[in-house]
Amino acid sequence: LFFAVMHCVMVLDLFAEGGRPKLLLLFLGLLPGALVIRGILYNPSVLNFSLVNRFGYPMAHANSAGLLLAMSIPLALAIIASQRGWLHGVTLASLAAQFAGLILTYSRGAWLACLVSLLGISLMEDRLRKGVFALGLLGLVVFVAVAPLRNRLMTLVNPTADEAIGNRLRFMGGAVTVGLENPLLGFGYGRDRLREGVKKEVADSEQLGFIPHSHNMYTELLAETGVLGLGAFMWMICANLSRLIRRARRESSPQIRILYFCLSASLIAFLVGVLGDAPFYNHDTRIFFFTLLALTYLFLGHDLPRQSGGE
């Protein structure tokens, strides 16, 4: 966690000058579309809409890919809303690829994260409402028309009947027990420490079986870093989130206001997505998130130029 925060600091230093924050936004909003195209070319069978062929490559796992795309889609919307010309068109193509990749991950947590973040954007900014409605309608049509996607989504209606959800809830419970036994500093950071803590603190730990992680970032950080670590992490995110929303509400320029709202939506997608995952064990989602966090600091620390034409 410490080195991930240091990555955020290094990105802040590297992109602090001139128009570099805008360049970083383009990287985070555009490039995930290229990752989706690369993954589909590598394994075209993901287009068969089968749960056994979830989209993930070149990222570590399908759930990691889903979380990353849920965070990047609002950033792509920010670029589309603020740019014209060839960049606008390229970002539209990237957004289409990212949205398709998100669906093909079969990651229910990422679907929920994206839905909540896009709903938040539509409530905060009228100018984005039509675009969000179009994405939502397209997604609804796809889920209704494709049976495997519809069946995957319907498992959320009765989560207790889903074995995977049941296992995750047990892992989360074990992590909470470890966290409550070591409330200030936690038991130690990392998977091995979490497993060691569960074996030591949970009476029926053998029933949990192999513990990859707690499948919830909040319980994970509570168990490993205690209230201090979890509190510091939440402060970094929520402080920036509230500042972005306040800055957007005071902003008179529509393009800049949309940018602030989309950055806040990306953070919201992360906060929702980690309810069902602990993504910092994977390099891709960890690097993306802490680069995103640095991006929010950069835009909050700069007075953005007013642009009459949106160019």
C-alpha atoms as a PDB file:
ATOM      1  CA  LEU A   1       0.000   0.000   0.000  1.00  0.00           C
ATOM      2  CA  PHE A   2       2.863   2.358   0.831  1.00  0.00           C
ATOM      3  CA  PHE A   3       4.563   1.798  -2.529  1.00  0.00           C
ATOM      4  CA  ALA A   4       1.245   2.254  -4.338  1.00  0.00           C
ATOM      5  CA  VAL A   5       0.848   5.656  -2.656  1.00  0.00           C
ATOM      6  CA  MET A   6       4.432   6.481  -3.687  1.00  0.00           C
ATOM      7  CA  HIS A   7       3.424   5.675  -7.271  1.00  0.00           C
ATOM      8  CA  CYS A   8       0.681   8.276  -6.915  1.00  0.00           C
ATOM      9  CA  VAL A   9       3.250  10.818  -5.685  1.00  0.00           C
ATOM     10  CA  MET A  10       5.580  10.091  -8.610  1.00  0.00           C
ATOM     11  CA  VAL A  11       2.768  10.519 -11.126  1.00  0.00           C
ATOM     12  CA  LEU A  12       1.889  13.838  -9.482  1.00  0.00           C
ATOM     13  CA  ASP A  13       5.456  15.018  -9.936  1.00  0.00           C
ATOM     14  CA  LEU A  14       5.788  13.763 -13.522  1.00  0.00           C
ATOM     15  CA  PHE A  15       2.534  15.246 -14.859  1.00  0.00           C
ATOM     16  CA  ALA A  16       2.339  18.429 -12.802  1.00  0.00           C
ATOM     17  CA  GLU A  17       3.448  20.913 -15.478  1.00  0.00           C
ATOM     18  CA  GLY A  18       1.608  22.540 -18.366  1.00  0.00           C
ATOM     19  CA  GLY A  19      -0.876  20.402 -20.256  1.00  0.00           C
ATOM     20  CA  ARG A  20       0.369  17.110 -18.845  1.00  0.00           C
ATOM     21  CA  PRO A  21      -2.719  16.493 -16.656  1.00  0.00           C
ATOM     22  CA  LYS A  22      -4.833  16.544 -19.829  1.00  0.00           C
ATOM     23  CA  LEU A  23      -2.399  14.093 -21.434  1.00  0.00           C
ATOM     24  CA  LEU A  24      -2.743  11.760 -18.452  1.00  0.00           C
ATOM     25  CA  LEU A  25      -6.536  11.947 -18.761  1.00  0.00           C
ATOM     26  CA  LEU A  26      -6.250  10.923 -22.419  1.00  0.00           C
ATOM     27  CA  PHE A  27      -4.074   7.958 -21.469  1.00  0.00           C
ATOM     28  CA  LEU A  28      -6.505   6.694 -18.826  1.00  0.00           C
ATOM     29  CA  GLY A  29      -9.639   7.329 -20.886  1.00  0.00           C
ATOM     30  CA  LEU A  30      -8.436   6.087 -24.278  1.00  0.00           C
ATOM     31  CA  LEU A  31      -5.936   3.264 -23.818  1.00  0.00           C
ATOM     32  CA  PRO A  32      -8.258   0.747 -22.079  1.00  0.00           C
ATOM     33  CA  GLY A  33     -10.119   0.485 -25.394  1.00  0.00           C
ATOM     34  CA  ALA A  34      -6.903  -0.729 -27.017  1.00  0.00           C
ATOM     35  CA  LEU A  35      -6.510  -3.320 -24.245  1.00  0.00           C
ATOM     36  CA  VAL A  36     -10.001  -4.654 -25.007  1.00  0.00           C
ATOM     37  CA  ILE A  37      -9.229  -4.927 -28.727  1.00  0.00           C
ATOM     38  CA  ARG A  38      -5.958  -6.701 -27.961  1.00  0.00           C
ATOM     39  CA  GLY A  39      -7.713  -9.155 -25.663  1.00  0.00           C
ATOM     40  CA  ILE A  40     -10.413  -9.991 -28.195  1.00  0.00           C
ATOM     41  CA  LEU A  41      -7.821 -10.520 -30.938  1.00  0.00           C
ATOM     42  CA  TYR A  42      -5.892 -12.803 -28.585  1.00  0.00           C
ATOM     43  CA  ASN A  43      -8.984 -14.833 -27.643  1.00  0.00           C
ATOM     44  CA  PRO A  44     -11.915 -14.296 -30.044  1.00  0.00           C
ATOM     45  CA  SER A  45     -13.894 -16.980 -28.200  1.00  0.00           C
ATOM     46  CA  VAL A  46     -14.925 -14.351 -25.622  1.00  0.00           C
ATOM     47  CA  LEU A  47     -17.407 -13.182 -28.261  1.00  0.00           C
ATOM     48  CA  ASN A  48     -19.298 -16.464 -27.859  1.00  0.00           C
ATOM     49  CA  PHE A  49     -20.961 -15.086 -24.687  1.00  0.00           C
ATOM     50  CA  SER A  50     -19.970 -17.944 -22.445  1.00  0.00           C
ATOM     51  CA  LEU A  51     -19.130 -17.711 -18.763  1.00  0.00           C
ATOM     52  CA  VAL A  52     -16.184 -20.056 -19.290  1.00  0.00           C
ATOM     53  CA  ASN A  53     -14.661 -17.536 -21.737  1.00  0.00           C
ATOM     54  CA  ARG A  54     -14.691 -14.314 -19.747  1.00  0.00           C
ATOM     55  CA  PHE A  55     -12.763 -11.354 -21.079  1.00  0.00           C
ATOM     56  CA  GLY A  56      -9.664 -10.673 -19.032  1.00  0.00           C
ATOM     57  CA  TYR A  57      -6.444 -10.864 -21.048  1.00  0.00           C
ATOM     58  CA  PRO A  58      -4.109  -8.933 -21.138  1.00  0.00           C
ATOM     59  CA  MET A  59      -5.142  -7.984 -17.598  1.00  0.00           C
ATOM     60  CA  ALA A  60      -4.672 -10.307 -14.650  1.00  0.00           C
ATOM     61  CA  HIS A  61      -8.275 -11.496 -14.257  1.00  0.00           C
ATOM     62  CA  ALA A  62     -11.746 -10.833 -15.612  1.00  0.00           C
ATOM     63  CA  ASN A  63     -12.810  -9.128 -12.372  1.00  0.00           C
ATOM     64  CA  SER A  64      -9.729  -6.894 -12.495  1.00  0.00           C
ATOM     65  CA  ALA A  65     -10.483  -6.027 -16.106  1.00  0.00           C
ATOM     66  CA  GLY A  66     -14.084  -5.207 -15.187  1.00  0.00           C
ATOM     67  CA  LEU A  67     -13.090  -2.871 -12.359  1.00  0.00           C
ATOM     68  CA  LEU A  68     -10.529  -1.087 -14.515  1.00  0.00           C
ATOM     69  CA  LEU A  69     -13.080  -0.558 -17.302  1.00  0.00           C
ATOM     70  CA  ALA A  70     -15.709   0.659 -14.838  1.00  0.00           C
ATOM     71  CA  MET A  71     -13.224   3.354 -13.773  1.00  0.00           C
ATOM     72  CA  SER A  72     -12.093   4.248 -17.301  1.00  0.00           C
ATOM     73  CA  ILE A  73     -15.536   4.599 -18.930  1.00  0.00           C
ATOM     74  CA  PRO A  74     -16.413   7.868 -17.095  1.00  0.00           C
ATOM     75  CA  LEU A  75     -13.019   9.242 -18.146  1.00  0.00           C
ATOM     76  CA  ALA A  76     -13.768   8.402 -21.766  1.00  0.00           C
ATOM     77  CA  LEU A  77     -17.074  10.247 -21.401  1.00  0.00           C
ATOM     78  CA  ALA A  78     -15.160  13.279 -20.095  1.00  0.00           C
ATOM     79  CA  ILE A  79     -12.972  13.301 -23.204  1.00  0.00           C
ATOM     80  CA  ILE A  80     -15.950  12.909 -25.529  1.00  0.00           C
ATOM     81  CA  ALA A  81     -17.819  15.756 -23.853  1.00  0.00           C
ATOM     82  CA  SER A  82     -14.867  18.147 -23.991  1.00  0.00           C
ATOM     83  CA  GLN A  83     -13.262  17.378 -27.367  1.00  0.00           C
ATOM     84  CA  ARG A  84     -14.143  17.707 -31.035  1.00  0.00           C
ATOM     85  CA  GLY A  85     -12.623  16.454 -34.260  1.00  0.00           C
ATOM     86  CA  TRP A  86     -10.628  13.262 -34.648  1.00  0.00           C
ATOM     87  CA  LEU A  87     -10.000  12.872 -30.902  1.00  0.00           C
ATOM     88  CA  HIS A  88     -13.740  12.888 -30.274  1.00  0.00           C
ATOM     89  CA  GLY A  89     -14.240  10.099 -32.831  1.00  0.00           C
ATOM     90  CA  VAL A  90     -11.345   7.976 -31.578  1.00  0.00           C
ATOM     91  CA  THR A  91     -12.646   8.231 -28.012  1.00  0.00           C
ATOM     92  CA  LEU A  92     -16.121   7.180 -29.141  1.00  0.00           C
ATOM     93  CA  ALA A  93     -14.585   4.038 -30.668  1.00  0.00           C
ATOM     94  CA  SER A  94     -12.591   3.423 -27.498  1.00  0.00           C
ATOM     95  CA  LEU A  95     -15.711   3.874 -25.342  1.00  0.00           C
ATOM     96  CA  ALA A  96     -17.599   1.327 -27.459  1.00  0.00           C
ATOM     97  CA  ALA A  97     -14.741  -1.170 -27.033  1.00  0.00           C
ATOM     98  CA  GLN A  98     -14.538  -0.542 -23.283  1.00  0.00           C
ATOM     99  CA  PHE A  99     -18.275  -0.979 -22.837  1.00  0.00           C
ATOM    100  CA  ALA A 100     -18.181  -4.258 -24.779  1.00  0.00           C
ATOM    101  CA  GLY A 101     -15.203  -5.437 -22.740  1.00  0.00           C
ATOM    102  CA  LEU A 102     -16.983  -4.589 -19.491  1.00  0.00           C
ATOM    103  CA  ILE A 103     -19.976  -6.700 -20.505  1.00  0.00           C
ATOM    104  CA  LEU A 104     -17.764  -9.612 -21.559  1.00  0.00           C
ATOM    105  CA  THR A 105     -15.970  -9.742 -18.199  1.00  0.00           C
ATOM    106  CA  TYR A 106     -19.137 -11.189 -16.606  1.00  0.00           C
ATOM    107  CA  SER A 107     -18.047  -9.300 -13.492  1.00  0.00           C
ATOM    108  CA  ARG A 108     -21.192  -8.476 -11.537  1.00  0.00           C
ATOM    109  CA  GLY A 109     -19.341  -6.128  -9.215  1.00  0.00           C
ATOM    110  CA  ALA A 110     -17.935  -4.170 -12.154  1.00  0.00           C
ATOM    111  CA  TRP A 111     -21.374  -3.992 -13.784  1.00  0.00           C
ATOM    112  CA  LEU A 112     -22.805  -2.545 -10.570  1.00  0.00           C
ATOM    113  CA  ALA A 113     -19.901  -0.125 -10.201  1.00  0.00           C
ATOM    114  CA  CYS A 114     -20.337   1.175 -13.741  1.00  0.00           C
ATOM    115  CA  LEU A 115     -24.112   1.451 -13.334  1.00  0.00           C
ATOM    116  CA  VAL A 116     -23.841   3.457 -10.117  1.00  0.00           C
ATOM    117  CA  SER A 117     -21.157   5.779 -11.512  1.00  0.00           C
ATOM    118  CA  LEU A 118     -23.067   6.454 -14.749  1.00  0.00           C
ATOM    119  CA  LEU A 119     -26.277   7.005 -12.807  1.00  0.00           C
ATOM    120  CA  GLY A 120     -24.390   9.480 -10.656  1.00  0.00           C
ATOM    121  CA  ILE A 121     -23.153  11.343 -13.740  1.00  0.00           C
ATOM    122  CA  SER A 122     -26.646  11.544 -15.194  1.00  0.00           C
ATOM    123  CA  LEU A 123     -27.994  12.981 -11.947  1.00  0.00           C
ATOM    124  CA  MET A 124     -25.183  15.515 -11.604  1.00  0.00           C
ATOM    125  CA  GLU A 125     -24.901  16.757 -15.200  1.00  0.00           C
ATOM    126  CA  ASP A 126     -27.783  17.245 -17.628  1.00  0.00           C
ATOM    127  CA  ARG A 127     -25.508  17.466 -20.677  1.00  0.00           C
ATOM    128  CA  LEU A 128     -24.367  13.870 -20.174  1.00  0.00           C
ATOM    129  CA  ARG A 129     -27.821  12.445 -19.551  1.00  0.00           C
ATOM    130  CA  LYS A 130     -28.524  11.542 -23.180  1.00  0.00           C
ATOM    131  CA  GLY A 131     -25.206   9.747 -23.595  1.00  0.00           C
ATOM    132  CA  VAL A 132     -25.640   7.817 -20.358  1.00  0.00           C
ATOM    133  CA  PHE A 133     -29.206   6.921 -21.312  1.00  0.00           C
ATOM    134  CA  ALA A 134     -27.999   5.613 -24.682  1.00  0.00           C
ATOM    135  CA  LEU A 135     -25.341   3.443 -23.001  1.00  0.00           C
ATOM    136  CA  GLY A 136     -27.871   2.162 -20.486  1.00  0.00           C
ATOM    137  CA  LEU A 137     -30.409   1.330 -23.162  1.00  0.00           C
ATOM    138  CA  LEU A 138     -27.782  -0.490 -25.214  1.00  0.00           C
ATOM    139  CA  GLY A 139     -26.708  -2.461 -22.172  1.00  0.00           C
ATOM    140  CA  LEU A 140     -30.306  -3.375 -21.355  1.00  0.00           C
ATOM    141  CA  VAL A 141     -30.892  -4.659 -24.886  1.00  0.00           C
ATOM    142  CA  VAL A 142     -27.734  -6.769 -24.743  1.00  0.00           C
ATOM    143  CA  PHE A 143     -28.608  -8.284 -21.362  1.00  0.00           C
ATOM    144  CA  VAL A 144     -32.161  -9.076 -22.446  1.00  0.00           C
ATOM    145  CA  ALA A 145     -31.079 -10.573 -25.763  1.00  0.00           C
ATOM    146  CA  VAL A 146     -28.105 -12.669 -24.571  1.00  0.00           C
ATOM    147  CA  ALA A 147     -29.158 -15.473 -22.231  1.00  0.00           C
ATOM    148  CA  PRO A 148     -25.770 -16.115 -20.509  1.00  0.00           C
ATOM    149  CA  LEU A 149     -25.490 -12.446 -19.563  1.00  0.00           C
ATOM    150  CA  ARG A 150     -29.088 -12.375 -18.364  1.00  0.00           C
ATOM    151  CA  ASN A 151     -28.590 -15.525 -16.279  1.00  0.00           C
ATOM    152  CA  ARG A 152     -25.414 -14.129 -14.738  1.00  0.00           C
ATOM    153  CA  LEU A 153     -27.195 -10.942 -13.769  1.00  0.00           C
ATOM    154  CA  MET A 154     -30.170 -12.791 -12.318  1.00  0.00           C
ATOM    155  CA  THR A 155     -27.942 -14.571  -9.782  1.00  0.00           C
ATOM    156  CA  LEU A 156     -27.996 -11.299  -7.845  1.00  0.00           C
ATOM    157  CA  VAL A 157     -31.728 -11.751  -7.234  1.00  0.00           C
ATOM    158  CA  ASN A 158     -30.991 -14.639  -4.853  1.00  0.00           C
ATOM    159  CA  PRO A 159     -27.344 -14.213  -3.831  1.00  0.00           C
ATOM    160  CA  THR A 160     -27.520 -16.803  -1.041  1.00  0.00           C
ATOM    161  CA  ALA A 161     -27.992 -19.517  -3.673  1.00  0.00           C
ATOM    162  CA  ASP A 162     -24.731 -18.565  -5.417  1.00  0.00           C
ATOM    163  CA  GLU A 163     -21.787 -20.570  -4.062  1.00  0.00           C
ATOM    164  CA  ALA A 164     -19.215 -17.974  -5.134  1.00  0.00           C
ATOM    165  CA  ILE A 165     -21.045 -15.188  -3.279  1.00  0.00           C
ATOM    166  CA  GLY A 166     -21.391 -17.396  -0.205  1.00  0.00           C
ATOM    167  CA  ASN A 167     -17.645 -18.117  -0.158  1.00  0.00           C
ATOM    168  CA  ARG A 168     -16.846 -14.416  -0.502  1.00  0.00           C
ATOM    169  CA  LEU A 169     -19.118 -13.544   2.406  1.00  0.00           C
ATOM    170  CA  ARG A 170     -17.313 -16.100   4.587  1.00  0.00           C
ATOM    171  CA  PHE A 171     -13.921 -14.704   3.600  1.00  0.00           C
ATOM    172  CA  MET A 172     -15.121 -11.174   4.398  1.00  0.00           C
ATOM    173  CA  GLY A 173     -16.381 -12.346   7.784  1.00  0.00           C
ATOM    174  CA  GLY A 174     -13.023 -13.900   8.575  1.00  0.00           C
ATOM    175  CA  ALA A 175     -11.227 -10.673   7.640  1.00  0.00           C
ATOM    176  CA  VAL A 176     -13.566  -8.625   9.837  1.00  0.00           C
ATOM    177  CA  THR A 177     -12.836 -10.936  12.774  1.00  0.00           C
ATOM    178  CA  VAL A 178      -9.098 -10.480  12.276  1.00  0.00           C
ATOM    179  CA  GLY A 179      -9.562  -6.719  11.988  1.00  0.00           C
ATOM    180  CA  LEU A 180     -11.587  -6.487  15.205  1.00  0.00           C
ATOM    181  CA  GLU A 181      -8.930  -8.466  17.058  1.00  0.00           C
ATOM    182  CA  ASN A 182      -6.227  -6.092  15.807  1.00  0.00           C
ATOM    183  CA  PRO A 183      -8.191  -2.865  15.392  1.00  0.00           C
ATOM    184  CA  LEU A 184      -5.469  -0.214  15.404  1.00  0.00           C
ATOM    185  CA  LEU A 185      -2.718  -1.427  13.046  1.00  0.00           C
ATOM    186  CA  GLY A 186      -4.126  -4.699  11.726  1.00  0.00           C
ATOM    187  CA  PHE A 187      -2.377  -8.054  11.443  1.00  0.00           C
ATOM    188  CA  GLY A 188      -0.009  -7.097   8.606  1.00  0.00           C
ATOM    189  CA  TYR A 189      -0.288  -6.335   4.901  1.00  0.00           C
ATOM    190  CA  GLY A 190      -0.465  -9.083   2.273  1.00  0.00           C
ATOM    191  CA  ARG A 191      -2.277 -12.313   1.511  1.00  0.00           C
ATOM    192  CA  ASP A 192      -0.073 -14.478   3.729  1.00  0.00           C
ATOM    193  CA  ARG A 193      -0.622 -12.190   6.706  1.00  0.00           C
ATOM    194  CA  LEU A 194      -4.383 -12.315   6.185  1.00  0.00           C
ATOM    195  CA  ARG A 195      -4.357 -16.117   6.054  1.00  0.00           C
ATOM    196  CA  GLU A 196      -2.152 -16.285   9.122  1.00  0.00           C
ATOM    197  CA  GLY A 197      -4.461 -13.900  10.960  1.00  0.00           C
ATOM    198  CA  VAL A 198      -7.585 -15.878  10.048  1.00  0.00           C
ATOM    199  CA  LYS A 199      -6.002 -19.121  11.254  1.00  0.00           C
ATOM    200  CA  LYS A 200      -5.000 -17.473  14.525  1.00  0.00           C
ATOM    201  CA  GLU A 201      -8.120 -15.435  15.274  1.00  0.00           C
ATOM    202  CA  VAL A 202     -11.021 -17.391  13.710  1.00  0.00           C
ATOM    203  CA  ALA A 203     -12.049 -20.474  15.662  1.00  0.00           C
ATOM    204  CA  ASP A 204     -13.451 -22.430  12.678  1.00  0.00           C
ATOM    205  CA  SER A 205     -10.865 -21.162  10.175  1.00  0.00           C
ATOM    206  CA  GLU A 206     -10.471 -24.621   8.622  1.00  0.00           C
ATOM    207  CA  GLN A 207     -14.014 -24.344   7.263  1.00  0.00           C
ATOM    208  CA  LEU A 208     -12.969 -21.310   5.237  1.00  0.00           C
ATOM    209  CA  GLY A 209     -10.521 -23.391   3.221  1.00  0.00           C
ATOM    210  CA  PHE A 210      -7.958 -21.627   1.027  1.00  0.00           C
ATOM    211  CA  ILE A 211      -8.194 -17.843   1.381  1.00  0.00           C
ATOM    212  CA  PRO A 212      -6.968 -15.958  -1.721  1.00  0.00           C
ATOM    213  CA  HIS A 213      -8.094 -12.646  -0.202  1.00  0.00           C
ATOM    214  CA  SER A 214     -11.215 -11.318   1.501  1.00  0.00           C
ATOM    215  CA  HIS A 215     -12.888 -10.191  -1.777  1.00  0.00           C
ATOM    216  CA  ASN A 216     -13.655  -6.819  -0.214  1.00  0.00           C
ATOM    217  CA  MET A 217     -11.163  -3.961  -0.069  1.00  0.00           C
ATOM    218  CA  TYR A 218     -12.634  -2.479   3.110  1.00  0.00           C
ATOM    219  CA  THR A 219     -12.455  -5.680   5.148  1.00  0.00           C
ATOM    220  CA  GLU A 220      -9.068  -6.447   3.607  1.00  0.00           C
ATOM    221  CA  LEU A 221      -7.534  -3.147   4.700  1.00  0.00           C
ATOM    222  CA  LEU A 222      -9.197  -3.387   8.108  1.00  0.00           C
ATOM    223  CA  ALA A 223      -7.630  -6.797   8.726  1.00  0.00           C
ATOM    224  CA  GLU A 224      -4.211  -5.934   7.325  1.00  0.00           C
ATOM    225  CA  THR A 225      -3.710  -2.258   8.228  1.00  0.00           C
ATOM    226  CA  GLY A 226      -6.323  -1.660  10.923  1.00  0.00           C
ATOM    227  CA  VAL A 227      -8.505   1.376  11.397  1.00  0.00           C
ATOM    228  CA  LEU A 228      -5.547   3.698  10.764  1.00  0.00           C
ATOM    229  CA  GLY A 229      -4.769   2.242   7.338  1.00  0.00           C
ATOM    230  CA  LEU A 230      -8.401   1.954   6.270  1.00  0.00           C
ATOM    231  CA  GLY A 231      -9.171   5.459   7.530  1.00  0.00           C
ATOM    232  CA  ALA A 232      -6.193   7.027   5.746  1.00  0.00           C
ATOM    233  CA  PHE A 233      -7.098   5.279   2.504  1.00  0.00           C
ATOM    234  CA  MET A 234     -10.747   6.339   2.686  1.00  0.00           C
ATOM    235  CA  TRP A 235      -9.725   9.903   3.530  1.00  0.00           C
ATOM    236  CA  MET A 236      -7.588  10.154   0.381  1.00  0.00           C
ATOM    237  CA  ILE A 237     -10.476   9.063  -1.819  1.00  0.00           C
ATOM    238  CA  CYS A 238     -13.453  10.709  -0.143  1.00  0.00           C
ATOM    239  CA  ALA A 239     -11.686  14.042   0.359  1.00  0.00           C
ATOM    240  CA  ASN A 240     -10.932  14.265  -3.356  1.00  0.00           C
ATOM    241  CA  LEU A 241     -14.405  13.042  -4.270  1.00  0.00           C
ATOM    242  CA  SER A 242     -16.132  15.728  -2.230  1.00  0.00           C
ATOM    243  CA  ARG A 243     -13.763  18.431  -3.532  1.00  0.00           C
ATOM    244  CA  LEU A 244     -14.405  17.407  -7.147  1.00  0.00           C
ATOM    245  CA  ILE A 245     -18.174  17.588  -6.705  1.00  0.00           C
ATOM    246  CA  ARG A 246     -18.009  20.942  -4.906  1.00  0.00           C
ATOM    247  CA  ARG A 247     -15.678  22.340  -7.571  1.00  0.00           C
ATOM    248  CA  ALA A 248     -18.010  21.142 -10.331  1.00  0.00           C
ATOM    249  CA  ARG A 249     -21.054  22.765  -8.752  1.00  0.00           C
ATOM    250  CA  ARG A 250     -19.265  26.108  -8.616  1.00  0.00           C
ATOM    251  CA  GLU A 251     -17.996  25.857 -12.189  1.00  0.00           C
ATOM    252  CA  SER A 252     -19.613  27.966 -14.921  1.00  0.00           C
ATOM    253  CA  SER A 253     -17.880  26.296 -17.897  1.00  0.00           C
ATOM    254  CA  PRO A 254     -19.857  23.194 -18.999  1.00  0.00           C
ATOM    255  CA  GLN A 255     -16.755  21.364 -20.280  1.00  0.00           C
ATOM    256  CA  ILE A 256     -14.822  21.824 -17.049  1.00  0.00           C
ATOM    257  CA  ARG A 257     -17.870  20.981 -14.921  1.00  0.00           C
ATOM    258  CA  ILE A 258     -18.346  17.733 -16.839  1.00  0.00           C
ATOM    259  CA  LEU A 259     -14.677  16.903 -16.384  1.00  0.00           C
ATOM    260  CA  TYR A 260     -14.922  17.246 -12.604  1.00  0.00           C
ATOM    261  CA  PHE A 261     -18.115  15.188 -12.469  1.00  0.00           C
ATOM    262  CA  CYS A 262     -16.598  12.416 -14.609  1.00  0.00           C
ATOM    263  CA  LEU A 263     -13.503  12.261 -12.414  1.00  0.00           C
ATOM    264  CA  SER A 264     -15.741  11.941  -9.369  1.00  0.00           C
ATOM    265  CA  ALA A 265     -17.773   9.219 -11.124  1.00  0.00           C
ATOM    266  CA  SER A 266     -14.604   7.239 -11.751  1.00  0.00           C
ATOM    267  CA  LEU A 267     -13.793   7.345  -8.036  1.00  0.00           C
ATOM    268  CA  ILE A 268     -17.368   6.291  -7.245  1.00  0.00           C
ATOM    269  CA  ALA A 269     -16.974   3.304  -9.581  1.00  0.00           C
ATOM    270  CA  PHE A 270     -13.908   2.248  -7.609  1.00  0.00           C
ATOM    271  CA  LEU A 271     -15.622   2.638  -4.230  1.00  0.00           C
ATOM    272  CA  VAL A 272     -18.532   0.465  -5.393  1.00  0.00           C
ATOM    273  CA  GLY A 273     -16.415  -2.065  -7.266  1.00  0.00           C
ATOM    274  CA  VAL A 274     -14.193  -2.892  -4.293  1.00  0.00           C
ATOM    275  CA  LEU A 275     -17.226  -3.981  -2.290  1.00  0.00           C
ATOM    276  CA  GLY A 276     -16.776  -7.346  -4.029  1.00  0.00           C
ATOM    277  CA  ASP A 277     -13.050  -7.426  -4.730  1.00  0.00           C
ATOM    278  CA  ALA A 278      -9.622  -6.623  -3.277  1.00  0.00           C
ATOM    279  CA  PRO A 279      -7.901  -5.442  -6.457  1.00  0.00           C
ATOM    280  CA  PHE A 280      -4.538  -4.256  -5.137  1.00  0.00           C
ATOM    281  CA  TYR A 281      -3.010  -7.698  -5.494  1.00  0.00           C
ATOM    282  CA  ASN A 282      -3.136  -7.184  -9.270  1.00  0.00           C
ATOM    283  CA  HIS A 283      -0.681  -4.716 -10.771  1.00  0.00           C
ATOM    284  CA  ASP A 284      -3.029  -3.421 -13.476  1.00  0.00           C
ATOM    285  CA  THR A 285      -5.884  -2.274 -11.239  1.00  0.00           C
ATOM    286  CA  ARG A 286      -3.525  -1.013  -8.536  1.00  0.00           C
ATOM    287  CA  ILE A 287      -1.486   1.103 -10.961  1.00  0.00           C
ATOM    288  CA  PHE A 288      -4.596   2.381 -12.736  1.00  0.00           C
ATOM    289  CA  PHE A 289      -6.343   3.423  -9.538  1.00  0.00           C
ATOM    290  CA  PHE A 290      -3.403   5.243  -7.984  1.00  0.00           C
ATOM    291  CA  THR A 291      -2.745   6.968 -11.308  1.00  0.00           C
ATOM    292  CA  LEU A 292      -6.416   8.003 -11.309  1.00  0.00           C
ATOM    293  CA  LEU A 293      -6.036   9.291  -7.750  1.00  0.00           C
ATOM    294  CA  ALA A 294      -3.029  11.341  -8.859  1.00  0.00           C
ATOM    295  CA  LEU A 295      -5.073  12.672 -11.786  1.00  0.00           C
ATOM    296  CA  THR A 296      -7.760  13.965  -9.417  1.00  0.00           C
ATOM    297  CA  TYR A 297      -5.105  15.739  -7.338  1.00  0.00           C
ATOM    298  CA  LEU A 298      -3.676  17.304 -10.500  1.00  0.00           C
ATOM    299  CA  PHE A 299      -6.986  18.703 -11.706  1.00  0.00           C
ATOM    300  CA  LEU A 300      -7.939  19.908  -8.241  1.00  0.00           C
ATOM    301  CA  GLY A 301      -4.613  21.715  -7.990  1.00  0.00           C
ATOM    302  CA  HIS A 302      -4.887  23.499 -11.355  1.00  0.00           C
ATOM    303  CA  ASP A 303      -7.104  26.330 -12.549  1.00  0.00           C
ATOM    304  CA  LEU A 304      -8.325  24.957 -15.852  1.00  0.00           C
ATOM    305  CA  PRO A 305      -8.549  27.358 -18.836  1.00  0.00           C
ATOM    306  CA  ARG A 306     -12.049  28.251 -20.043  1.00  0.00           C
ATOM    307  CA  GLN A 307     -12.734  26.895 -23.517  1.00  0.00           C
ATOM    308  CA  SER A 308     -15.535  28.448 -25.522  1.00  0.00           C
ATOM    309  CA  GLY A 309     -15.477  25.893 -28.291  1.00  0.00           C
ATOM    310  CA  GLY A 310     -14.783  22.761 -26.337  1.00  0.00           C
ATOM    311  CA  GLU A 311     -11.534  22.171 -28.247  1.00  0.00           C
END
